[in-house]
Amino acid sequence: MSYELKQSASGKFMFNLKAANHQVILTSQLYESKGSAQNGISSVQKHGSDDKNFELKTATSGQPYFNLKASNGQVIGKSEMYNSEAAAKNGIESVKKNCSSTVIKDA
């Protein structure tokens, strides 16, 4: 389990939280600076273990996904699209289990 911090083609920064199997379980928004993205990782570490910070949603395609929100309601990260609500809930459990990782890799 680790965070992968990288710069996008547009020059902005983002991160992925990866589970032990290297699967991406949460993706951040784009940040203007590397420091802001690192603050986003800190926010996931702080908020990712509490059920109340997760919002289960359904895309227009009908596929379930979830958002992780900070205490101020701002979305910190978003999941992939899942095939079932049960799979999305498993994804939430994976974020809760892996969010405390302090391993941050520059990609």
N, C-alpha and C. Protein backbone atom coordinates (compact mmCIF):
# COMPACT_ATOMS: atom_id res chain seq x y z
N MET A 1 0.84 -1.18 0.00
CA MET A 1 0.00 0.00 0.00
C MET A 1 0.88 1.24 0.00
N SER A 2 0.53 2.17 -0.88
CA SER A 2 1.33 3.38 -1.01
C SER A 2 0.55 4.44 -1.77
N TYR A 3 1.06 5.64 -1.69
CA TYR A 3 0.56 6.74 -2.50
C TYR A 3 1.54 6.94 -3.64
N GLU A 4 1.02 7.15 -4.84
CA GLU A 4 1.85 7.44 -6.00
C GLU A 4 1.54 8.88 -6.41
N LEU A 5 2.54 9.73 -6.29
CA LEU A 5 2.41 11.16 -6.58
C LEU A 5 3.03 11.43 -7.94
N LYS A 6 2.27 12.08 -8.83
CA LYS A 6 2.82 12.33 -10.16
C LYS A 6 2.34 13.64 -10.73
N GLN A 7 3.10 14.10 -11.73
CA GLN A 7 2.76 15.32 -12.44
C GLN A 7 2.04 14.95 -13.73
N SER A 8 0.95 15.64 -14.01
CA SER A 8 0.17 15.37 -15.22
C SER A 8 0.82 16.07 -16.42
N ALA A 9 0.33 15.75 -17.58
CA ALA A 9 0.84 16.36 -18.81
C ALA A 9 0.64 17.87 -18.80
N SER A 10 -0.37 18.34 -18.07
CA SER A 10 -0.66 19.78 -18.00
C SER A 10 0.22 20.50 -16.97
N GLY A 11 1.07 19.74 -16.26
CA GLY A 11 1.95 20.35 -15.27
C GLY A 11 1.38 20.38 -13.87
N LYS A 12 0.15 19.92 -13.71
CA LYS A 12 -0.46 19.86 -12.39
C LYS A 12 -0.10 18.54 -11.72
N PHE A 13 -0.40 18.43 -10.43
CA PHE A 13 -0.02 17.24 -9.66
C PHE A 13 -1.26 16.50 -9.17
N MET A 14 -1.12 15.18 -9.04
CA MET A 14 -2.20 14.34 -8.52
C MET A 14 -1.58 13.12 -7.87
N PHE A 15 -2.42 12.35 -7.16
CA PHE A 15 -1.93 11.12 -6.55
C PHE A 15 -2.97 10.02 -6.64
N ASN A 16 -2.48 8.80 -6.57
CA ASN A 16 -3.32 7.61 -6.47
C ASN A 16 -2.95 6.91 -5.18
N LEU A 17 -3.95 6.38 -4.49
CA LEU A 17 -3.72 5.47 -3.37
C LEU A 17 -3.82 4.07 -3.95
N LYS A 18 -2.77 3.28 -3.72
CA LYS A 18 -2.74 1.92 -4.24
C LYS A 18 -2.77 0.92 -3.09
N ALA A 19 -3.52 -0.16 -3.30
CA ALA A 19 -3.58 -1.25 -2.33
C ALA A 19 -2.31 -2.08 -2.44
N ALA A 20 -2.17 -3.05 -1.55
CA ALA A 20 -0.98 -3.90 -1.53
C ALA A 20 -0.79 -4.65 -2.85
N ASN A 21 -1.88 -4.91 -3.58
CA ASN A 21 -1.79 -5.59 -4.88
C ASN A 21 -1.50 -4.62 -6.03
N HIS A 22 -1.19 -3.36 -5.69
CA HIS A 22 -0.85 -2.29 -6.63
C HIS A 22 -2.04 -1.75 -7.42
N GLN A 23 -3.24 -2.18 -7.06
CA GLN A 23 -4.43 -1.67 -7.73
C GLN A 23 -4.77 -0.28 -7.18
N VAL A 24 -5.11 0.66 -8.08
CA VAL A 24 -5.51 2.00 -7.66
C VAL A 24 -6.88 1.92 -7.02
N ILE A 25 -6.99 2.44 -5.79
CA ILE A 25 -8.28 2.39 -5.09
C ILE A 25 -8.86 3.78 -4.84
N LEU A 26 -8.05 4.84 -5.07
CA LEU A 26 -8.53 6.21 -4.91
C LEU A 26 -7.66 7.12 -5.75
N THR A 27 -8.28 8.05 -6.46
CA THR A 27 -7.56 9.01 -7.31
C THR A 27 -7.95 10.42 -6.88
N SER A 28 -6.95 11.28 -6.78
CA SER A 28 -7.20 12.66 -6.35
C SER A 28 -7.61 13.54 -7.52
N GLN A 29 -7.97 14.74 -7.18
CA GLN A 29 -8.17 15.80 -8.16
C GLN A 29 -6.79 16.28 -8.62
N LEU A 30 -6.76 17.22 -9.55
CA LEU A 30 -5.51 17.84 -9.96
C LEU A 30 -5.22 19.03 -9.05
N TYR A 31 -3.97 19.16 -8.65
CA TYR A 31 -3.52 20.25 -7.79
C TYR A 31 -2.53 21.11 -8.54
N GLU A 32 -2.49 22.40 -8.21
CA GLU A 32 -1.57 23.34 -8.86
C GLU A 32 -0.11 23.06 -8.51
N SER A 33 0.14 22.56 -7.30
CA SER A 33 1.53 22.37 -6.86
C SER A 33 1.70 20.99 -6.21
N LYS A 34 2.94 20.56 -6.16
CA LYS A 34 3.26 19.28 -5.52
C LYS A 34 2.92 19.35 -4.03
N GLY A 35 3.19 20.49 -3.40
CA GLY A 35 2.87 20.67 -1.98
C GLY A 35 1.38 20.53 -1.70
N SER A 36 0.56 21.06 -2.59
CA SER A 36 -0.89 20.93 -2.42
C SER A 36 -1.33 19.48 -2.55
N ALA A 37 -0.72 18.75 -3.48
CA ALA A 37 -1.04 17.32 -3.62
C ALA A 37 -0.60 16.56 -2.37
N GLN A 38 0.54 16.92 -1.81
CA GLN A 38 0.99 16.28 -0.57
C GLN A 38 0.03 16.58 0.58
N ASN A 39 -0.53 17.78 0.61
CA ASN A 39 -1.55 18.12 1.61
C ASN A 39 -2.80 17.26 1.39
N GLY A 40 -3.12 16.98 0.12
CA GLY A 40 -4.25 16.10 -0.19
C GLY A 40 -4.03 14.70 0.35
N ILE A 41 -2.80 14.20 0.23
CA ILE A 41 -2.47 12.89 0.79
C ILE A 41 -2.66 12.91 2.30
N SER A 42 -2.21 13.97 2.95
CA SER A 42 -2.40 14.09 4.41
C SER A 42 -3.88 14.07 4.77
N SER A 43 -4.69 14.69 3.93
CA SER A 43 -6.13 14.72 4.17
C SER A 43 -6.74 13.33 4.03
N VAL A 44 -6.28 12.54 3.05
CA VAL A 44 -6.76 11.16 2.92
C VAL A 44 -6.35 10.35 4.15
N GLN A 45 -5.11 10.54 4.60
CA GLN A 45 -4.64 9.82 5.78
C GLN A 45 -5.51 10.17 7.00
N LYS A 46 -5.94 11.41 7.09
CA LYS A 46 -6.74 11.87 8.23
C LYS A 46 -8.21 11.44 8.13
N HIS A 47 -8.79 11.52 6.95
CA HIS A 47 -10.23 11.30 6.79
C HIS A 47 -10.62 9.93 6.26
N GLY A 48 -9.66 9.17 5.76
CA GLY A 48 -9.97 7.93 5.05
C GLY A 48 -10.38 6.75 5.90
N SER A 49 -10.29 6.87 7.20
CA SER A 49 -10.65 5.72 8.05
C SER A 49 -12.04 5.83 8.65
N ASP A 50 -12.77 6.88 8.33
CA ASP A 50 -14.08 7.13 8.94
C ASP A 50 -15.20 6.98 7.91
N ASP A 51 -16.12 6.06 8.18
CA ASP A 51 -17.25 5.80 7.27
C ASP A 51 -18.00 7.06 6.87
N LYS A 52 -18.14 8.00 7.77
CA LYS A 52 -18.97 9.18 7.48
C LYS A 52 -18.38 10.06 6.39
N ASN A 53 -17.11 9.85 6.04
CA ASN A 53 -16.47 10.67 5.02
C ASN A 53 -16.60 10.09 3.61
N PHE A 54 -17.26 8.94 3.50
CA PHE A 54 -17.45 8.30 2.20
C PHE A 54 -18.86 8.53 1.70
N GLU A 55 -18.97 8.81 0.42
CA GLU A 55 -20.26 9.03 -0.21
C GLU A 55 -20.38 8.07 -1.39
N LEU A 56 -21.28 7.10 -1.27
CA LEU A 56 -21.53 6.14 -2.34
C LEU A 56 -22.45 6.79 -3.36
N LYS A 57 -22.05 6.76 -4.63
CA LYS A 57 -22.81 7.44 -5.68
C LYS A 57 -23.03 6.49 -6.85
N THR A 58 -23.87 6.89 -7.78
CA THR A 58 -24.11 6.11 -8.99
C THR A 58 -23.92 7.04 -10.18
N ALA A 59 -23.08 6.62 -11.12
CA ALA A 59 -22.82 7.40 -12.33
C ALA A 59 -24.03 7.32 -13.26
N THR A 60 -24.06 8.20 -14.24
CA THR A 60 -25.17 8.19 -15.20
C THR A 60 -25.23 6.86 -15.95
N SER A 61 -24.09 6.16 -16.03
CA SER A 61 -24.06 4.85 -16.69
C SER A 61 -24.67 3.76 -15.81
N GLY A 62 -25.00 4.11 -14.55
CA GLY A 62 -25.56 3.13 -13.63
C GLY A 62 -24.52 2.45 -12.77
N GLN A 63 -23.24 2.74 -13.01
CA GLN A 63 -22.18 2.10 -12.24
C GLN A 63 -21.95 2.83 -10.92
N PRO A 64 -21.81 2.08 -9.83
CA PRO A 64 -21.54 2.70 -8.54
C PRO A 64 -20.06 3.10 -8.41
N TYR A 65 -19.82 4.15 -7.64
CA TYR A 65 -18.48 4.60 -7.29
C TYR A 65 -18.60 5.35 -5.97
N PHE A 66 -17.48 5.80 -5.43
CA PHE A 66 -17.56 6.57 -4.20
C PHE A 66 -16.59 7.74 -4.21
N ASN A 67 -16.93 8.73 -3.40
CA ASN A 67 -16.07 9.87 -3.14
C ASN A 67 -15.64 9.82 -1.68
N LEU A 68 -14.42 10.27 -1.42
CA LEU A 68 -13.95 10.49 -0.06
C LEU A 68 -13.93 11.99 0.14
N LYS A 69 -14.59 12.45 1.21
CA LYS A 69 -14.69 13.88 1.47
C LYS A 69 -13.98 14.25 2.77
N ALA A 70 -13.47 15.47 2.79
CA ALA A 70 -12.90 16.04 4.01
C ALA A 70 -14.04 16.51 4.90
N SER A 71 -13.71 16.89 6.12
CA SER A 71 -14.75 17.33 7.06
C SER A 71 -15.47 18.59 6.58
N ASN A 72 -14.85 19.36 5.67
CA ASN A 72 -15.51 20.56 5.13
C ASN A 72 -16.40 20.23 3.92
N GLY A 73 -16.50 18.95 3.56
CA GLY A 73 -17.35 18.52 2.46
C GLY A 73 -16.66 18.48 1.11
N GLN A 74 -15.41 18.93 1.03
CA GLN A 74 -14.69 18.93 -0.24
C GLN A 74 -14.25 17.51 -0.60
N VAL A 75 -14.41 17.13 -1.87
CA VAL A 75 -13.99 15.81 -2.33
C VAL A 75 -12.46 15.76 -2.37
N ILE A 76 -11.89 14.77 -1.69
CA ILE A 76 -10.43 14.58 -1.67
C ILE A 76 -10.03 13.59 -2.75
N GLY A 77 -10.85 12.57 -2.95
CA GLY A 77 -10.53 11.54 -3.93
C GLY A 77 -11.77 10.82 -4.40
N LYS A 78 -11.62 10.13 -5.52
CA LYS A 78 -12.73 9.43 -6.16
C LYS A 78 -12.26 8.03 -6.53
N SER A 79 -13.18 7.10 -6.48
CA SER A 79 -12.86 5.72 -6.85
C SER A 79 -13.05 5.51 -8.35
N GLU A 80 -12.69 4.31 -8.78
CA GLU A 80 -13.01 3.86 -10.12
C GLU A 80 -14.51 3.53 -10.18
N MET A 81 -15.00 3.21 -11.35
CA MET A 81 -16.37 2.73 -11.49
C MET A 81 -16.39 1.24 -11.20
N TYR A 82 -17.39 0.80 -10.47
CA TYR A 82 -17.51 -0.61 -10.09
C TYR A 82 -18.70 -1.25 -10.80
N ASN A 83 -18.70 -2.58 -10.81
CA ASN A 83 -19.79 -3.33 -11.44
C ASN A 83 -20.98 -3.53 -10.52
N SER A 84 -20.75 -3.37 -9.20
CA SER A 84 -21.85 -3.56 -8.24
C SER A 84 -21.62 -2.68 -7.02
N GLU A 85 -22.69 -2.44 -6.29
CA GLU A 85 -22.58 -1.67 -5.05
C GLU A 85 -21.72 -2.40 -4.03
N ALA A 86 -21.83 -3.72 -4.00
CA ALA A 86 -21.01 -4.51 -3.08
C ALA A 86 -19.52 -4.33 -3.38
N ALA A 87 -19.16 -4.29 -4.66
CA ALA A 87 -17.75 -4.09 -5.04
C ALA A 87 -17.29 -2.69 -4.63
N ALA A 88 -18.16 -1.68 -4.78
CA ALA A 88 -17.81 -0.32 -4.37
C ALA A 88 -17.60 -0.26 -2.86
N LYS A 89 -18.45 -0.96 -2.12
CA LYS A 89 -18.29 -0.99 -0.66
C LYS A 89 -16.99 -1.69 -0.27
N ASN A 90 -16.60 -2.71 -1.01
CA ASN A 90 -15.30 -3.35 -0.77
C ASN A 90 -14.17 -2.36 -1.03
N GLY A 91 -14.34 -1.52 -2.05
CA GLY A 91 -13.36 -0.48 -2.34
C GLY A 91 -13.22 0.50 -1.19
N ILE A 92 -14.34 0.87 -0.59
CA ILE A 92 -14.32 1.77 0.58
C ILE A 92 -13.53 1.11 1.71
N GLU A 93 -13.80 -0.16 1.95
CA GLU A 93 -13.08 -0.88 3.01
C GLU A 93 -11.59 -0.92 2.73
N SER A 94 -11.22 -1.06 1.47
CA SER A 94 -9.81 -1.08 1.10
C SER A 94 -9.15 0.27 1.36
N VAL A 95 -9.85 1.37 1.03
CA VAL A 95 -9.31 2.70 1.32
C VAL A 95 -9.15 2.87 2.83
N LYS A 96 -10.16 2.45 3.60
CA LYS A 96 -10.08 2.57 5.06
C LYS A 96 -8.87 1.81 5.60
N LYS A 97 -8.59 0.65 5.02
CA LYS A 97 -7.49 -0.19 5.49
C LYS A 97 -6.12 0.37 5.06
N ASN A 98 -6.06 0.98 3.89
CA ASN A 98 -4.77 1.39 3.30
C ASN A 98 -4.44 2.87 3.42
N CYS A 99 -5.39 3.70 3.84
CA CYS A 99 -5.18 5.15 3.82
C CYS A 99 -4.09 5.64 4.77
N SER A 100 -3.79 4.87 5.79
CA SER A 100 -2.80 5.32 6.79
C SER A 100 -1.36 5.15 6.30
N SER A 101 -1.17 4.58 5.12
CA SER A 101 0.18 4.37 4.59
C SER A 101 0.95 5.68 4.59
N THR A 102 2.22 5.60 4.95
CA THR A 102 3.09 6.78 4.90
C THR A 102 4.09 6.68 3.75
N VAL A 103 3.92 5.64 2.91
CA VAL A 103 4.81 5.46 1.76
C VAL A 103 4.29 6.31 0.60
N ILE A 104 5.10 7.28 0.18
CA ILE A 104 4.74 8.15 -0.93
C ILE A 104 5.83 8.01 -2.00
N LYS A 105 5.44 7.54 -3.17
CA LYS A 105 6.39 7.33 -4.26
C LYS A 105 6.16 8.37 -5.34
N ASP A 106 7.24 8.99 -5.80
CA ASP A 106 7.14 9.89 -6.94
C ASP A 106 7.16 9.05 -8.21
N ALA A 107 6.17 9.29 -9.07
CA ALA A 107 6.10 8.51 -10.32
C ALA A 107 6.71 9.29 -11.47
